[in-house]
Amino acid sequence: MLGQLNQVLGLIEDLQAVNTQGVAPMTHAGDLSLRLRADDVTEPDRRDDYQRAAPAVSHGLYLVPRVIE
């Protein structure tokens, strides 16, 4: 396993040695674009209906017991 780890570290060193000055960062290796859809509201606002059944609500937020002190 030590040999494999050394290979990985060697690859990292090789990558760090490459001059990337002036190269713009990429989000993907290929020139892809996402298909976008219209950001339209398609469902009614039913927050009050859903929160009516909750044990504790304040200002539109569900109140829960503290679990981390």
PDB file of N, CA and C in Angstrom:
ATOM      1  N   MET A   1       0.824  -1.185   0.000  1.00  0.00           N
ATOM      2  CA  MET A   1       0.000   0.000   0.000  1.00  0.00           C
ATOM      3  C   MET A   1       0.878   1.263   0.000  1.00  0.00           C
ATOM      4  N   LEU A   2       2.009   1.175   0.634  1.00  0.00           N
ATOM      5  CA  LEU A   2       2.907   2.331   0.673  1.00  0.00           C
ATOM      6  C   LEU A   2       3.363   2.714  -0.728  1.00  0.00           C
ATOM      7  N   GLY A   3       3.622   1.719  -1.568  1.00  0.00           N
ATOM      8  CA  GLY A   3       4.029   2.005  -2.941  1.00  0.00           C
ATOM      9  C   GLY A   3       2.936   2.720  -3.725  1.00  0.00           C
ATOM     10  N   GLN A   4       1.688   2.295  -3.542  1.00  0.00           N
ATOM     11  CA  GLN A   4       0.566   2.945  -4.230  1.00  0.00           C
ATOM     12  C   GLN A   4       0.386   4.379  -3.741  1.00  0.00           C
ATOM     13  N   LEU A   5       0.526   4.578  -2.446  1.00  0.00           N
ATOM     14  CA  LEU A   5       0.410   5.923  -1.891  1.00  0.00           C
ATOM     15  C   LEU A   5       1.513   6.823  -2.437  1.00  0.00           C
ATOM     16  N   ASN A   6       2.703   6.298  -2.547  1.00  0.00           N
ATOM     17  CA  ASN A   6       3.802   7.087  -3.104  1.00  0.00           C
ATOM     18  C   ASN A   6       3.549   7.437  -4.573  1.00  0.00           C
ATOM     19  N   GLN A   7       2.925   6.519  -5.314  1.00  0.00           N
ATOM     20  CA  GLN A   7       2.574   6.821  -6.707  1.00  0.00           C
ATOM     21  C   GLN A   7       1.567   7.966  -6.781  1.00  0.00           C
ATOM     22  N   VAL A   8       0.583   7.927  -5.929  1.00  0.00           N
ATOM     23  CA  VAL A   8      -0.428   8.992  -5.914  1.00  0.00           C
ATOM     24  C   VAL A   8       0.232  10.320  -5.556  1.00  0.00           C
ATOM     25  N   LEU A   9       1.071  10.312  -4.555  1.00  0.00           N
ATOM     26  CA  LEU A   9       1.753  11.548  -4.164  1.00  0.00           C
ATOM     27  C   LEU A   9       2.672  12.047  -5.283  1.00  0.00           C
ATOM     28  N   GLY A  10       3.281  11.118  -6.010  1.00  0.00           N
ATOM     29  CA  GLY A  10       4.110  11.505  -7.147  1.00  0.00           C
ATOM     30  C   GLY A  10       3.280  12.158  -8.243  1.00  0.00           C
ATOM     31  N   LEU A  11       2.096  11.631  -8.506  1.00  0.00           N
ATOM     32  CA  LEU A  11       1.204  12.246  -9.492  1.00  0.00           C
ATOM     33  C   LEU A  11       0.796  13.652  -9.059  1.00  0.00           C
ATOM     34  N   ILE A  12       0.520  13.816  -7.788  1.00  0.00           N
ATOM     35  CA  ILE A  12       0.164  15.149  -7.273  1.00  0.00           C
ATOM     36  C   ILE A  12       1.316  16.117  -7.470  1.00  0.00           C
ATOM     37  N   GLU A  13       2.536  15.669  -7.195  1.00  0.00           N
ATOM     38  CA  GLU A  13       3.708  16.526  -7.411  1.00  0.00           C
ATOM     39  C   GLU A  13       3.846  16.898  -8.883  1.00  0.00           C
ATOM     40  N   ASP A  14       3.616  15.938  -9.766  1.00  0.00           N
ATOM     41  CA  ASP A  14       3.684  16.219 -11.209  1.00  0.00           C
ATOM     42  C   ASP A  14       2.652  17.264 -11.612  1.00  0.00           C
ATOM     43  N   LEU A  15       1.437  17.139 -11.093  1.00  0.00           N
ATOM     44  CA  LEU A  15       0.390  18.108 -11.419  1.00  0.00           C
ATOM     45  C   LEU A  15       0.714  19.499 -10.877  1.00  0.00           C
ATOM     46  N   GLN A  16       1.284  19.552  -9.691  1.00  0.00           N
ATOM     47  CA  GLN A  16       1.629  20.846  -9.107  1.00  0.00           C
ATOM     48  C   GLN A  16       2.770  21.528  -9.862  1.00  0.00           C
ATOM     49  N   ALA A  17       3.576  20.749 -10.577  1.00  0.00           N
ATOM     50  CA  ALA A  17       4.700  21.320 -11.318  1.00  0.00           C
ATOM     51  C   ALA A  17       4.263  21.978 -12.627  1.00  0.00           C
ATOM     52  N   VAL A  18       3.034  21.719 -13.085  1.00  0.00           N
ATOM     53  CA  VAL A  18       2.553  22.273 -14.350  1.00  0.00           C
ATOM     54  C   VAL A  18       2.244  23.758 -14.167  1.00  0.00           C
ATOM     55  N   ASN A  19       2.723  24.569 -15.119  1.00  0.00           N
ATOM     56  CA  ASN A  19       2.467  26.007 -15.079  1.00  0.00           C
ATOM     57  C   ASN A  19       1.047  26.275 -15.584  1.00  0.00           C
ATOM     58  N   THR A  20       0.182  26.729 -14.695  1.00  0.00           N
ATOM     59  CA  THR A  20      -1.204  27.015 -15.070  1.00  0.00           C
ATOM     60  C   THR A  20      -1.485  28.517 -15.054  1.00  0.00           C
ATOM     61  N   GLN A  21      -0.450  29.311 -15.042  1.00  0.00           N
ATOM     62  CA  GLN A  21      -0.620  30.762 -15.032  1.00  0.00           C
ATOM     63  C   GLN A  21      -1.370  31.200 -16.293  1.00  0.00           C
ATOM     64  N   GLY A  22      -2.442  31.937 -16.128  1.00  0.00           N
ATOM     65  CA  GLY A  22      -3.208  32.450 -17.250  1.00  0.00           C
ATOM     66  C   GLY A  22      -4.238  31.485 -17.809  1.00  0.00           C
ATOM     67  N   VAL A  23      -4.371  30.309 -17.208  1.00  0.00           N
ATOM     68  CA  VAL A  23      -5.367  29.343 -17.661  1.00  0.00           C
ATOM     69  C   VAL A  23      -6.643  29.545 -16.841  1.00  0.00           C
ATOM     70  N   ALA A  24      -7.747  29.767 -17.523  1.00  0.00           N
ATOM     71  CA  ALA A  24      -9.020  30.001 -16.824  1.00  0.00           C
ATOM     72  C   ALA A  24      -9.532  28.696 -16.221  1.00  0.00           C
ATOM     73  N   PRO A  25     -10.051  28.755 -15.001  1.00  0.00           N
ATOM     74  CA  PRO A  25     -10.613  27.543 -14.391  1.00  0.00           C
ATOM     75  C   PRO A  25     -11.814  27.038 -15.187  1.00  0.00           C
ATOM     76  N   MET A  26     -11.991  25.727 -15.179  1.00  0.00           N
ATOM     77  CA  MET A  26     -13.110  25.110 -15.906  1.00  0.00           C
ATOM     78  C   MET A  26     -14.030  24.421 -14.912  1.00  0.00           C
ATOM     79  N   THR A  27     -15.315  24.352 -15.228  1.00  0.00           N
ATOM     80  CA  THR A  27     -16.249  23.613 -14.388  1.00  0.00           C
ATOM     81  C   THR A  27     -16.384  22.172 -14.847  1.00  0.00           C
ATOM     82  N   HIS A  28     -15.967  21.901 -16.092  1.00  0.00           N
ATOM     83  CA  HIS A  28     -16.057  20.546 -16.629  1.00  0.00           C
ATOM     84  C   HIS A  28     -14.993  20.385 -17.715  1.00  0.00           C
ATOM     85  N   ALA A  29     -14.522  19.180 -17.874  1.00  0.00           N
ATOM     86  CA  ALA A  29     -13.467  18.945 -18.861  1.00  0.00           C
ATOM     87  C   ALA A  29     -13.953  19.144 -20.295  1.00  0.00           C
ATOM     88  N   GLY A  30     -15.236  18.926 -20.527  1.00  0.00           N
ATOM     89  CA  GLY A  30     -15.815  19.133 -21.855  1.00  0.00           C
ATOM     90  C   GLY A  30     -16.550  20.463 -21.917  1.00  0.00           C
ATOM     91  N   ASP A  31     -16.802  20.930 -23.113  1.00  0.00           N
ATOM     92  CA  ASP A  31     -17.516  22.192 -23.292  1.00  0.00           C
ATOM     93  C   ASP A  31     -19.014  21.893 -23.271  1.00  0.00           C
ATOM     94  N   LEU A  32     -19.561  21.765 -22.076  1.00  0.00           N
ATOM     95  CA  LEU A  32     -20.962  21.411 -21.908  1.00  0.00           C
ATOM     96  C   LEU A  32     -21.769  22.611 -21.447  1.00  0.00           C
ATOM     97  N   SER A  33     -23.031  22.612 -21.787  1.00  0.00           N
ATOM     98  CA  SER A  33     -23.941  23.607 -21.232  1.00  0.00           C
ATOM     99  C   SER A  33     -25.175  22.880 -20.739  1.00  0.00           C
ATOM    100  N   LEU A  34     -25.746  23.382 -19.667  1.00  0.00           N
ATOM    101  CA  LEU A  34     -26.912  22.749 -19.084  1.00  0.00           C
ATOM    102  C   LEU A  34     -28.185  23.240 -19.756  1.00  0.00           C
ATOM    103  N   ARG A  35     -29.096  22.318 -19.947  1.00  0.00           N
ATOM    104  CA  ARG A  35     -30.412  22.723 -20.438  1.00  0.00           C
ATOM    105  C   ARG A  35     -31.163  23.312 -19.253  1.00  0.00           C
ATOM    106  N   LEU A  36     -31.643  24.519 -19.400  1.00  0.00           N
ATOM    107  CA  LEU A  36     -32.341  25.182 -18.318  1.00  0.00           C
ATOM    108  C   LEU A  36     -33.832  25.201 -18.599  1.00  0.00           C
ATOM    109  N   ARG A  37     -34.601  25.172 -17.548  1.00  0.00           N
ATOM    110  CA  ARG A  37     -36.049  25.283 -17.675  1.00  0.00           C
ATOM    111  C   ARG A  37     -36.474  26.606 -17.046  1.00  0.00           C
ATOM    112  N   ALA A  38     -37.640  27.023 -17.383  1.00  0.00           N
ATOM    113  CA  ALA A  38     -38.163  28.255 -16.796  1.00  0.00           C
ATOM    114  C   ALA A  38     -38.396  28.051 -15.303  1.00  0.00           C
ATOM    115  N   ASP A  39     -38.065  29.042 -14.522  1.00  0.00           N
ATOM    116  CA  ASP A  39     -38.238  28.969 -13.073  1.00  0.00           C
ATOM    117  C   ASP A  39     -39.629  29.491 -12.725  1.00  0.00           C
ATOM    118  N   ASP A  40     -40.628  28.675 -13.024  1.00  0.00           N
ATOM    119  CA  ASP A  40     -42.020  29.054 -12.804  1.00  0.00           C
ATOM    120  C   ASP A  40     -42.573  28.327 -11.591  1.00  0.00           C
ATOM    121  N   VAL A  41     -43.421  29.009 -10.832  1.00  0.00           N
ATOM    122  CA  VAL A  41     -44.105  28.387  -9.707  1.00  0.00           C
ATOM    123  C   VAL A  41     -45.212  27.510 -10.266  1.00  0.00           C
ATOM    124  N   THR A  42     -45.175  26.226  -9.912  1.00  0.00           N
ATOM    125  CA  THR A  42     -46.180  25.296 -10.430  1.00  0.00           C
ATOM    126  C   THR A  42     -47.034  24.693  -9.319  1.00  0.00           C
ATOM    127  N   GLU A  43     -46.658  24.904  -8.067  1.00  0.00           N
ATOM    128  CA  GLU A  43     -47.403  24.359  -6.941  1.00  0.00           C
ATOM    129  C   GLU A  43     -47.900  25.503  -6.061  1.00  0.00           C
ATOM    130  N   PRO A  44     -49.075  25.353  -5.452  1.00  0.00           N
ATOM    131  CA  PRO A  44     -49.561  26.401  -4.549  1.00  0.00           C
ATOM    132  C   PRO A  44     -48.777  26.404  -3.245  1.00  0.00           C
ATOM    133  N   ASP A  45     -48.757  27.532  -2.571  1.00  0.00           N
ATOM    134  CA  ASP A  45     -48.092  27.659  -1.270  1.00  0.00           C
ATOM    135  C   ASP A  45     -48.992  27.037  -0.205  1.00  0.00           C
ATOM    136  N   ARG A  46     -48.580  25.894   0.323  1.00  0.00           N
ATOM    137  CA  ARG A  46     -49.384  25.195   1.324  1.00  0.00           C
ATOM    138  C   ARG A  46     -48.657  25.098   2.654  1.00  0.00           C
ATOM    139  N   ARG A  47     -47.733  26.021   2.904  1.00  0.00           N
ATOM    140  CA  ARG A  47     -46.945  25.976   4.135  1.00  0.00           C
ATOM    141  C   ARG A  47     -47.841  25.972   5.368  1.00  0.00           C
ATOM    142  N   ASP A  48     -48.844  26.834   5.395  1.00  0.00           N
ATOM    143  CA  ASP A  48     -49.719  26.890   6.569  1.00  0.00           C
ATOM    144  C   ASP A  48     -50.452  25.572   6.786  1.00  0.00           C
ATOM    145  N   ASP A  49     -50.870  24.925   5.708  1.00  0.00           N
ATOM    146  CA  ASP A  49     -51.540  23.624   5.838  1.00  0.00           C
ATOM    147  C   ASP A  49     -50.610  22.592   6.442  1.00  0.00           C
ATOM    148  N   TYR A  50     -49.362  22.563   5.984  1.00  0.00           N
ATOM    149  CA  TYR A  50     -48.403  21.576   6.484  1.00  0.00           C
ATOM    150  C   TYR A  50     -47.998  21.879   7.924  1.00  0.00           C
ATOM    151  N   GLN A  51     -47.856  23.136   8.268  1.00  0.00           N
ATOM    152  CA  GLN A  51     -47.404  23.480   9.606  1.00  0.00           C
ATOM    153  C   GLN A  51     -48.508  23.377  10.643  1.00  0.00           C
ATOM    154  N   ARG A  52     -49.733  23.332  10.199  1.00  0.00           N
ATOM    155  CA  ARG A  52     -50.856  23.214  11.136  1.00  0.00           C
ATOM    156  C   ARG A  52     -50.732  21.924  11.952  1.00  0.00           C
ATOM    157  N   ALA A  53     -50.183  20.874  11.379  1.00  0.00           N
ATOM    158  CA  ALA A  53     -50.045  19.589  12.073  1.00  0.00           C
ATOM    159  C   ALA A  53     -48.773  19.506  12.913  1.00  0.00           C
ATOM    160  N   ALA A  54     -47.883  20.482  12.808  1.00  0.00           N
ATOM    161  CA  ALA A  54     -46.611  20.433  13.541  1.00  0.00           C
ATOM    162  C   ALA A  54     -46.833  20.752  15.014  1.00  0.00           C
ATOM    163  N   PRO A  55     -46.073  20.127  15.912  1.00  0.00           N
ATOM    164  CA  PRO A  55     -46.232  20.391  17.340  1.00  0.00           C
ATOM    165  C   PRO A  55     -45.854  21.819  17.734  1.00  0.00           C
ATOM    166  N   ALA A  56     -44.845  22.397  17.077  1.00  0.00           N
ATOM    167  CA  ALA A  56     -44.416  23.753  17.438  1.00  0.00           C
ATOM    168  C   ALA A  56     -43.892  24.477  16.202  1.00  0.00           C
ATOM    169  N   VAL A  57     -44.431  25.686  15.973  1.00  0.00           N
ATOM    170  CA  VAL A  57     -44.045  26.506  14.830  1.00  0.00           C
ATOM    171  C   VAL A  57     -43.949  27.944  15.297  1.00  0.00           C
ATOM    172  N   SER A  58     -42.973  28.680  14.765  1.00  0.00           N
ATOM    173  CA  SER A  58     -42.849  30.095  15.083  1.00  0.00           C
ATOM    174  C   SER A  58     -42.350  30.830  13.850  1.00  0.00           C
ATOM    175  N   HIS A  59     -43.092  31.837  13.422  1.00  0.00           N
ATOM    176  CA  HIS A  59     -42.723  32.669  12.268  1.00  0.00           C
ATOM    177  C   HIS A  59     -42.422  31.831  11.024  1.00  0.00           C
ATOM    178  N   GLY A  60     -43.201  30.782  10.802  1.00  0.00           N
ATOM    179  CA  GLY A  60     -43.037  29.959   9.616  1.00  0.00           C
ATOM    180  C   GLY A  60     -41.938  28.918   9.717  1.00  0.00           C
ATOM    181  N   LEU A  61     -41.332  28.762  10.889  1.00  0.00           N
ATOM    182  CA  LEU A  61     -40.259  27.780  11.077  1.00  0.00           C
ATOM    183  C   LEU A  61     -40.713  26.686  12.026  1.00  0.00           C
ATOM    184  N   TYR A  62     -40.305  25.458  11.760  1.00  0.00           N
ATOM    185  CA  TYR A  62     -40.594  24.356  12.665  1.00  0.00           C
ATOM    186  C   TYR A  62     -39.660  24.441  13.858  1.00  0.00           C
ATOM    187  N   LEU A  63     -40.203  24.351  15.059  1.00  0.00           N
ATOM    188  CA  LEU A  63     -39.383  24.362  16.266  1.00  0.00           C
ATOM    189  C   LEU A  63     -39.155  22.927  16.714  1.00  0.00           C
ATOM    190  N   VAL A  64     -37.888  22.608  16.980  1.00  0.00           N
ATOM    191  CA  VAL A  64     -37.526  21.249  17.406  1.00  0.00           C
ATOM    192  C   VAL A  64     -36.683  21.336  18.657  1.00  0.00           C
ATOM    193  N   PRO A  65     -36.630  20.262  19.456  1.00  0.00           N
ATOM    194  CA  PRO A  65     -35.785  20.278  20.647  1.00  0.00           C
ATOM    195  C   PRO A  65     -34.314  20.401  20.290  1.00  0.00           C
ATOM    196  N   ARG A  66     -33.573  21.067  21.145  1.00  0.00           N
ATOM    197  CA  ARG A  66     -32.126  21.198  20.950  1.00  0.00           C
ATOM    198  C   ARG A  66     -31.472  19.835  21.154  1.00  0.00           C
ATOM    199  N   VAL A  67     -30.602  19.438  20.233  1.00  0.00           N
ATOM    200  CA  VAL A  67     -29.929  18.153  20.342  1.00  0.00           C
ATOM    201  C   VAL A  67     -28.438  18.286  20.585  1.00  0.00           C
ATOM    202  N   ILE A  68     -27.904  19.486  20.386  1.00  0.00           N
ATOM    203  CA  ILE A  68     -26.480  19.731  20.633  1.00  0.00           C
ATOM    204  C   ILE A  68     -26.375  20.845  21.672  1.00  0.00           C
ATOM    205  N   GLU A  69     -25.617  20.598  22.696  1.00  0.00           N
ATOM    206  CA  GLU A  69     -25.459  21.623  23.735  1.00  0.00           C
ATOM    207  C   GLU A  69     -24.186  22.396  23.555  1.00  0.00           C
TER     208      GLU A  69
END
